[in-house]
Amino acid sequence: MKTQELISTVSTLSIDELMQFSEWFADFMADQWEKKLQSEHSEKPMNSECMAS
């Protein structure tokens, strides 16, 4: 599905459906952000300062 199709579909939602979608999307974005941070963290090489903590 393309972005424009998503926009068209979301714009037809009722207020209740939009609220449900908004809650789901906020959770989804938080999960994606967490995965990105974890991925970036795992890619960084460990240095002696990190290992001493």
C-alpha atoms as a PDB file:
ATOM      1  CA  MET A   1       0.000   0.000   0.000  1.00  0.00           C
ATOM      2  CA  LYS A   2       1.328   3.424  -0.883  1.00  0.00           C
ATOM      3  CA  THR A   3       1.358   6.437   1.417  1.00  0.00           C
ATOM      4  CA  GLN A   4      -1.390   8.214  -0.504  1.00  0.00           C
ATOM      5  CA  GLU A   5      -3.628   5.156  -0.163  1.00  0.00           C
ATOM      6  CA  LEU A   6      -3.018   5.137   3.586  1.00  0.00           C
ATOM      7  CA  ILE A   7      -3.840   8.825   3.812  1.00  0.00           C
ATOM      8  CA  SER A   8      -7.063   8.303   1.881  1.00  0.00           C
ATOM      9  CA  THR A   9      -8.074   5.384   4.090  1.00  0.00           C
ATOM     10  CA  VAL A  10      -7.222   7.109   7.367  1.00  0.00           C
ATOM     11  CA  SER A  11      -9.164  10.202   6.318  1.00  0.00           C
ATOM     12  CA  THR A  12     -12.351   8.112   6.078  1.00  0.00           C
ATOM     13  CA  LEU A  13     -12.139   6.743   9.644  1.00  0.00           C
ATOM     14  CA  SER A  14     -14.715   7.681  12.240  1.00  0.00           C
ATOM     15  CA  ILE A  15     -13.508   9.547  15.329  1.00  0.00           C
ATOM     16  CA  ASP A  16     -13.523   6.313  17.365  1.00  0.00           C
ATOM     17  CA  GLU A  17     -11.609   4.433  14.674  1.00  0.00           C
ATOM     18  CA  LEU A  18      -9.171   7.317  14.321  1.00  0.00           C
ATOM     19  CA  MET A  19      -8.519   7.299  18.061  1.00  0.00           C
ATOM     20  CA  GLN A  20      -7.882   3.537  17.990  1.00  0.00           C
ATOM     21  CA  PHE A  21      -5.582   3.921  15.020  1.00  0.00           C
ATOM     22  CA  SER A  22      -3.753   6.837  16.673  1.00  0.00           C
ATOM     23  CA  GLU A  23      -3.117   4.810  19.824  1.00  0.00           C
ATOM     24  CA  TRP A  24      -1.887   1.856  17.794  1.00  0.00           C
ATOM     25  CA  PHE A  25       0.323   4.080  15.627  1.00  0.00           C
ATOM     26  CA  ALA A  26       1.875   5.811  18.650  1.00  0.00           C
ATOM     27  CA  ASP A  27       2.764   2.393  20.106  1.00  0.00           C
ATOM     28  CA  PHE A  28       4.079   1.256  16.734  1.00  0.00           C
ATOM     29  CA  MET A  29       6.296   4.340  16.396  1.00  0.00           C
ATOM     30  CA  ALA A  30       7.628   3.910  19.931  1.00  0.00           C
ATOM     31  CA  ASP A  31       8.531   0.291  19.138  1.00  0.00           C
ATOM     32  CA  GLN A  32      10.244   1.331  15.912  1.00  0.00           C
ATOM     33  CA  TRP A  33      12.209   4.032  17.731  1.00  0.00           C
ATOM     34  CA  GLU A  34      13.283   1.527  20.387  1.00  0.00           C
ATOM     35  CA  LYS A  35      14.442  -0.937  17.711  1.00  0.00           C
ATOM     36  CA  LYS A  36      16.422   1.835  16.002  1.00  0.00           C
ATOM     37  CA  LEU A  37      18.127   2.806  19.243  1.00  0.00           C
ATOM     38  CA  GLN A  38      18.935  -0.814  20.070  1.00  0.00           C
ATOM     39  CA  SER A  39      20.337  -1.356  16.584  1.00  0.00           C
ATOM     40  CA  GLU A  40      22.501   1.759  16.793  1.00  0.00           C
ATOM     41  CA  HIS A  41      23.689   0.773  20.261  1.00  0.00           C
ATOM     42  CA  SER A  42      24.652  -2.737  19.170  1.00  0.00           C
ATOM     43  CA  GLU A  43      26.606  -1.363  16.189  1.00  0.00           C
ATOM     44  CA  LYS A  44      28.867   0.824  18.363  1.00  0.00           C
ATOM     45  CA  PRO A  45      32.146  -0.813  19.338  1.00  0.00           C
ATOM     46  CA  MET A  46      32.749  -1.289  23.030  1.00  0.00           C
ATOM     47  CA  ASN A  47      35.591   0.768  24.408  1.00  0.00           C
ATOM     48  CA  SER A  48      37.501   0.343  27.661  1.00  0.00           C
ATOM     49  CA  GLU A  49      35.512   3.110  29.395  1.00  0.00           C
ATOM     50  CA  CYS A  50      32.210   1.323  28.720  1.00  0.00           C
ATOM     51  CA  MET A  51      33.618  -1.991  29.899  1.00  0.00           C
ATOM     52  CA  ALA A  52      34.863  -0.465  33.178  1.00  0.00           C
ATOM     53  CA  SER A  53      31.385   0.692  34.216  1.00  0.00           C
END
